[in-house]
């Protein structure tokens, strides 16, 4: 598995097709408790002030460059992260591959009962060889109680899924996986957020041309400005500053670790 150190994180530098193939091989080989998380400029900025979220990102088996900003930053810094890989890419590619041989058991955790019903219906239509063995809509609250977590894990483990998709908001979904992964009898877990709504049809993903041009973020901001204001308007200038500082550190040999305020170690290693 090819990765590249960027701002202190091991970012996947392979394409979505290769990632999906590796994940499916892990599941088929009987590996347990591996998970995927999505990285973008806003998530890296949030993680700077949220140690628990940072640990969740660091602990991911696959940390994919979901935001075009990471790909552009890598290009500017001369690093080989050349392809944006989204949660939607992994979601679709993995199901396409698994459908060839069938037999994969899927569980969906997150969102509303209506969205989960739509996902189950579409999955049964598009991938009849795959089994949706369970869905669970958790309570909508900032922090889950111990009983909430117990019920969620009990439902998941009772269903015996090979693949668990978690569709909450970040950093809630990544932190939940990090805190509970050792108690889950699951082969692989994917934190994919808005993919639940995209697949269910309750939200429209940007047209393909927008995605290819790197403007999916603009399409989403246009449709959800209030929800995405902070990650689009406030976080982007901070991220640009991080990239410039990292470039200067590399160019002039500075040793301050961008993104690692608590450490003197280099934040970028090739």
Protein backbone atom coordinates (compact mmCIF):
# COMPACT_ATOMS: atom_id res chain seq x y z
CA UNK A 1 0.00 0.00 0.00
CA UNK A 2 1.54 3.29 -1.13
CA UNK A 3 1.37 6.22 1.26
CA UNK A 4 2.91 9.66 1.47
CA UNK A 5 3.68 11.65 4.60
CA UNK A 6 1.85 14.97 4.44
CA UNK A 7 1.46 17.27 7.47
CA UNK A 8 2.29 14.34 9.75
CA UNK A 9 -0.27 11.93 8.25
CA UNK A 10 0.19 8.86 6.08
CA UNK A 11 -2.01 9.75 3.12
CA UNK A 12 -2.85 7.05 0.58
CA UNK A 13 -1.18 7.80 -2.75
CA UNK A 14 -2.95 5.09 -4.74
CA UNK A 15 -6.14 5.46 -6.75
CA UNK A 16 -9.65 4.53 -5.67
CA UNK A 17 -9.67 1.33 -7.71
CA UNK A 18 -6.46 0.09 -6.09
CA UNK A 19 -7.67 1.01 -2.60
CA UNK A 20 -10.96 -0.84 -3.10
CA UNK A 21 -9.10 -3.94 -4.29
CA UNK A 22 -6.83 -3.90 -1.23
CA UNK A 23 -9.76 -3.44 1.15
CA UNK A 24 -11.68 -6.32 -0.39
CA UNK A 25 -8.59 -8.54 -0.19
CA UNK A 26 -8.26 -7.72 3.52
CA UNK A 27 -11.89 -8.66 4.11
CA UNK A 28 -11.61 -11.88 2.11
CA UNK A 29 -8.42 -12.77 4.02
CA UNK A 30 -10.30 -12.53 7.32
CA UNK A 31 -8.52 -9.46 8.65
CA UNK A 32 -10.41 -7.60 11.37
CA UNK A 33 -10.97 -4.09 12.64
CA UNK A 34 -9.33 -2.16 9.82
CA UNK A 35 -10.85 1.19 8.96
CA UNK A 36 -10.88 4.00 6.43
CA UNK A 37 -11.14 7.74 7.06
CA UNK A 38 -11.30 10.70 4.69
CA UNK A 39 -8.84 13.59 4.93
CA UNK A 40 -9.45 17.09 3.63
CA UNK A 41 -8.07 20.53 4.54
CA UNK A 42 -10.81 21.25 7.07
CA UNK A 43 -10.43 17.91 8.86
CA UNK A 44 -6.68 18.42 9.27
CA UNK A 45 -7.27 21.88 10.73
CA UNK A 46 -9.92 20.57 13.15
CA UNK A 47 -7.55 17.78 14.19
CA UNK A 48 -4.90 20.32 15.22
CA UNK A 49 -7.10 21.33 18.16
CA UNK A 50 -8.78 17.95 18.70
CA UNK A 51 -6.26 15.29 19.82
CA UNK A 52 -8.87 12.54 19.80
CA UNK A 53 -9.78 13.27 16.20
CA UNK A 54 -6.11 13.41 15.25
CA UNK A 55 -5.51 9.98 16.79
CA UNK A 56 -8.50 8.63 14.86
CA UNK A 57 -7.05 9.90 11.58
CA UNK A 58 -3.58 8.60 12.44
CA UNK A 59 -4.99 5.21 13.35
CA UNK A 60 -6.83 4.71 10.05
CA UNK A 61 -5.59 1.84 7.90
CA UNK A 62 -6.55 3.92 4.86
CA UNK A 63 -6.48 7.72 5.12
CA UNK A 64 -7.58 8.87 1.68
CA UNK A 65 -7.13 12.34 0.12
CA UNK A 66 -10.84 13.12 -0.09
CA UNK A 67 -10.32 16.87 -0.50
CA UNK A 68 -8.90 18.39 -3.68
CA UNK A 69 -6.96 20.78 -1.45
CA UNK A 70 -4.72 17.95 -0.28
CA UNK A 71 -3.93 16.92 -3.85
CA UNK A 72 -3.14 20.53 -4.80
CA UNK A 73 -0.97 20.91 -1.69
CA UNK A 74 0.96 17.75 -2.53
CA UNK A 75 1.47 18.98 -6.10
CA UNK A 76 2.78 22.32 -4.82
CA UNK A 77 5.15 20.54 -2.43
CA UNK A 78 6.33 18.09 -5.08
CA UNK A 79 4.84 14.99 -3.47
CA UNK A 80 3.28 12.02 -5.33
CA UNK A 81 -0.32 12.33 -4.17
CA UNK A 82 -1.74 12.94 -7.62
CA UNK A 83 -5.30 11.63 -7.43
CA UNK A 84 -8.23 12.66 -5.29
CA UNK A 85 -9.90 9.59 -3.77
CA UNK A 86 -13.33 10.18 -2.23
CA UNK A 87 -15.47 8.13 0.11
CA UNK A 88 -17.94 7.78 -2.78
CA UNK A 89 -15.19 6.32 -4.97
CA UNK A 90 -14.33 3.65 -2.41
CA UNK A 91 -18.00 2.94 -1.71
CA UNK A 92 -18.85 2.32 -5.37
CA UNK A 93 -15.62 0.57 -6.40
CA UNK A 94 -15.71 -1.78 -3.44
CA UNK A 95 -19.30 -2.84 -4.10
CA UNK A 96 -18.59 -3.28 -7.81
CA UNK A 97 -15.68 -5.58 -7.05
CA UNK A 98 -17.47 -7.51 -4.31
CA UNK A 99 -20.50 -8.07 -6.56
CA UNK A 100 -18.42 -10.20 -8.93
CA UNK A 101 -18.08 -12.98 -6.34
CA UNK A 102 -20.89 -11.95 -3.98
CA UNK A 103 -21.30 -13.10 -0.42
CA UNK A 104 -20.33 -9.84 1.28
CA UNK A 105 -22.38 -8.80 4.32
CA UNK A 106 -22.91 -5.05 4.80
CA UNK A 107 -24.10 -2.97 7.75
CA UNK A 108 -25.01 0.74 7.58
CA UNK A 109 -24.73 2.85 10.74
CA UNK A 110 -25.88 6.47 10.74
CA UNK A 111 -28.35 8.95 9.24
CA UNK A 112 -32.15 8.58 9.44
CA UNK A 113 -34.40 5.54 9.04
CA UNK A 114 -35.69 7.00 5.76
CA UNK A 115 -32.18 7.33 4.31
CA UNK A 116 -31.25 3.84 5.49
CA UNK A 117 -34.39 2.38 3.89
CA UNK A 118 -33.49 4.07 0.61
CA UNK A 119 -29.94 2.71 0.79
CA UNK A 120 -31.17 -0.82 1.48
CA UNK A 121 -33.62 -0.67 -1.43
CA UNK A 122 -31.04 0.61 -3.89
CA UNK A 123 -28.39 -1.87 -2.72
CA UNK A 124 -30.78 -4.78 -3.23
CA UNK A 125 -31.56 -3.54 -6.74
CA UNK A 126 -28.00 -2.77 -7.85
CA UNK A 127 -26.08 -5.48 -5.96
CA UNK A 128 -28.37 -8.48 -5.39
CA UNK A 129 -25.33 -10.67 -4.65
CA UNK A 130 -24.45 -8.57 -1.60
CA UNK A 131 -26.38 -8.79 1.67
CA UNK A 132 -27.43 -5.79 3.73
CA UNK A 133 -27.45 -7.63 7.04
CA UNK A 134 -28.40 -4.63 9.15
CA UNK A 135 -28.96 -0.89 9.45
CA UNK A 136 -29.04 1.32 12.53
CA UNK A 137 -30.03 4.96 12.92
CA UNK A 138 -28.37 6.25 16.12
CA UNK A 139 -29.90 9.03 18.24
CA UNK A 140 -29.15 12.55 17.07
CA UNK A 141 -27.16 14.04 19.92
CA UNK A 142 -23.71 15.66 20.26
CA UNK A 143 -22.32 12.86 22.43
CA UNK A 144 -23.47 9.25 22.66
CA UNK A 145 -23.99 7.74 26.08
CA UNK A 146 -22.41 4.45 27.13
CA UNK A 147 -25.80 2.81 26.62
CA UNK A 148 -26.10 4.29 23.12
CA UNK A 149 -22.74 2.81 22.23
CA UNK A 150 -23.58 -0.54 23.77
CA UNK A 151 -26.78 -0.81 21.72
CA UNK A 152 -25.04 0.16 18.49
CA UNK A 153 -22.21 -2.32 18.97
CA UNK A 154 -24.60 -5.08 20.01
CA UNK A 155 -26.66 -4.60 16.85
CA UNK A 156 -23.57 -4.59 14.64
CA UNK A 157 -21.95 -7.64 16.21
CA UNK A 158 -25.21 -9.60 16.16
CA UNK A 159 -25.50 -9.01 12.40
CA UNK A 160 -21.94 -10.28 11.74
CA UNK A 161 -21.08 -7.89 8.89
CA UNK A 162 -17.93 -8.12 6.81
CA UNK A 163 -18.10 -4.42 6.05
CA UNK A 164 -19.49 -1.63 8.23
CA UNK A 165 -20.25 1.75 6.67
CA UNK A 166 -20.55 4.66 9.12
CA UNK A 167 -22.34 7.75 7.86
CA UNK A 168 -22.25 10.43 10.54
CA UNK A 169 -20.58 13.84 10.45
CA UNK A 170 -16.87 14.39 10.97
CA UNK A 171 -15.22 14.23 13.44
CA UNK A 172 -17.99 12.33 15.20
CA UNK A 173 -17.84 9.28 12.94
CA UNK A 174 -14.05 8.92 13.03
CA UNK A 175 -13.92 9.34 16.79
CA UNK A 176 -16.69 6.79 17.26
CA UNK A 177 -14.82 4.24 15.17
CA UNK A 178 -11.52 4.92 16.96
CA UNK A 179 -13.13 4.59 20.40
CA UNK A 180 -15.07 1.40 19.63
CA UNK A 181 -13.21 -0.49 16.90
CA UNK A 182 -11.67 -3.01 19.29
CA UNK A 183 -15.14 -4.10 20.44
CA UNK A 184 -16.52 -4.60 16.94
CA UNK A 185 -16.40 -8.01 15.27
CA UNK A 186 -16.10 -6.51 11.80
CA UNK A 187 -13.63 -7.00 8.98
CA UNK A 188 -13.51 -3.42 7.71
CA UNK A 189 -15.12 -0.09 8.62
CA UNK A 190 -15.50 2.94 6.35
CA UNK A 191 -16.28 6.44 7.62
CA UNK A 192 -17.96 7.99 4.59
CA UNK A 193 -20.22 10.76 5.90
CA UNK A 194 -22.30 12.34 3.14
CA UNK A 195 -22.04 9.23 0.95
CA UNK A 196 -25.17 7.90 2.68
CA UNK A 197 -27.20 10.88 1.44
CA UNK A 198 -25.65 10.75 -2.03
CA UNK A 199 -26.41 7.07 -2.46
CA UNK A 200 -29.91 7.38 -1.01
CA UNK A 201 -30.64 10.28 -3.34
CA UNK A 202 -31.53 12.74 -0.57
CA UNK A 203 -28.64 14.97 -1.66
CA UNK A 204 -27.17 15.39 -5.12
CA UNK A 205 -23.47 15.04 -5.67
CA UNK A 206 -21.76 17.56 -7.94
CA UNK A 207 -21.89 16.79 -11.69
CA UNK A 208 -18.97 14.76 -13.00
CA UNK A 209 -17.44 17.73 -14.82
CA UNK A 210 -17.33 19.74 -11.59
CA UNK A 211 -15.66 16.83 -9.80
CA UNK A 212 -13.07 16.35 -12.53
CA UNK A 213 -12.21 20.03 -12.44
CA UNK A 214 -11.78 19.98 -8.67
CA UNK A 215 -14.82 22.13 -7.88
CA UNK A 216 -17.04 19.69 -6.00
CA UNK A 217 -16.43 21.75 -2.87
CA UNK A 218 -17.90 24.81 -4.60
CA UNK A 219 -20.99 22.89 -5.69
CA UNK A 220 -21.58 21.65 -2.14
CA UNK A 221 -20.98 25.12 -0.66
CA UNK A 222 -23.49 26.64 -3.08
CA UNK A 223 -26.18 24.18 -1.97
CA UNK A 224 -25.33 24.14 1.78
CA UNK A 225 -23.65 27.48 2.59
CA UNK A 226 -24.70 27.60 6.25
CA UNK A 227 -23.41 24.11 7.05
CA UNK A 228 -20.21 24.38 5.03
CA UNK A 229 -19.32 28.00 5.78
CA UNK A 230 -16.64 27.19 8.34
CA UNK A 231 -14.88 24.46 6.35
CA UNK A 232 -14.95 26.44 3.10
CA UNK A 233 -14.39 30.07 4.07
CA UNK A 234 -12.64 29.93 7.44
CA UNK A 235 -10.50 26.81 7.07
CA UNK A 236 -9.15 27.34 3.56
CA UNK A 237 -6.97 30.41 4.35
CA UNK A 238 -5.52 28.57 7.35
CA UNK A 239 -4.74 25.56 5.20
CA UNK A 240 -3.07 27.72 2.56
CA UNK A 241 -0.91 29.14 5.33
CA UNK A 242 0.02 25.61 6.40
CA UNK A 243 1.07 24.74 2.85
CA UNK A 244 3.20 27.88 2.47
CA UNK A 245 4.86 27.31 5.84
CA UNK A 246 5.63 23.71 4.90
CA UNK A 247 7.09 24.82 1.58
CA UNK A 248 9.34 27.30 3.38
CA UNK A 249 10.38 24.65 5.88
CA UNK A 250 11.42 22.32 3.07
CA UNK A 251 13.03 25.05 0.98
CA UNK A 252 15.05 26.68 3.76
CA UNK A 253 15.50 23.74 6.12
CA UNK A 254 13.23 24.95 8.88
CA UNK A 255 12.44 22.29 11.47
CA UNK A 256 9.12 23.51 12.84
CA UNK A 257 6.55 20.77 12.32
CA UNK A 258 3.49 22.20 10.61
CA UNK A 259 0.40 20.42 11.90
CA UNK A 260 2.45 19.02 14.80
CA UNK A 261 2.45 21.91 17.29
CA UNK A 262 3.29 19.53 20.11
CA UNK A 263 6.28 17.99 18.40
CA UNK A 264 9.63 19.06 17.02
CA UNK A 265 9.72 16.22 14.51
CA UNK A 266 9.46 16.78 10.79
CA UNK A 267 5.87 16.73 9.60
CA UNK A 268 6.71 15.59 6.09
CA UNK A 269 8.80 12.55 5.25
CA UNK A 270 9.29 10.90 1.89
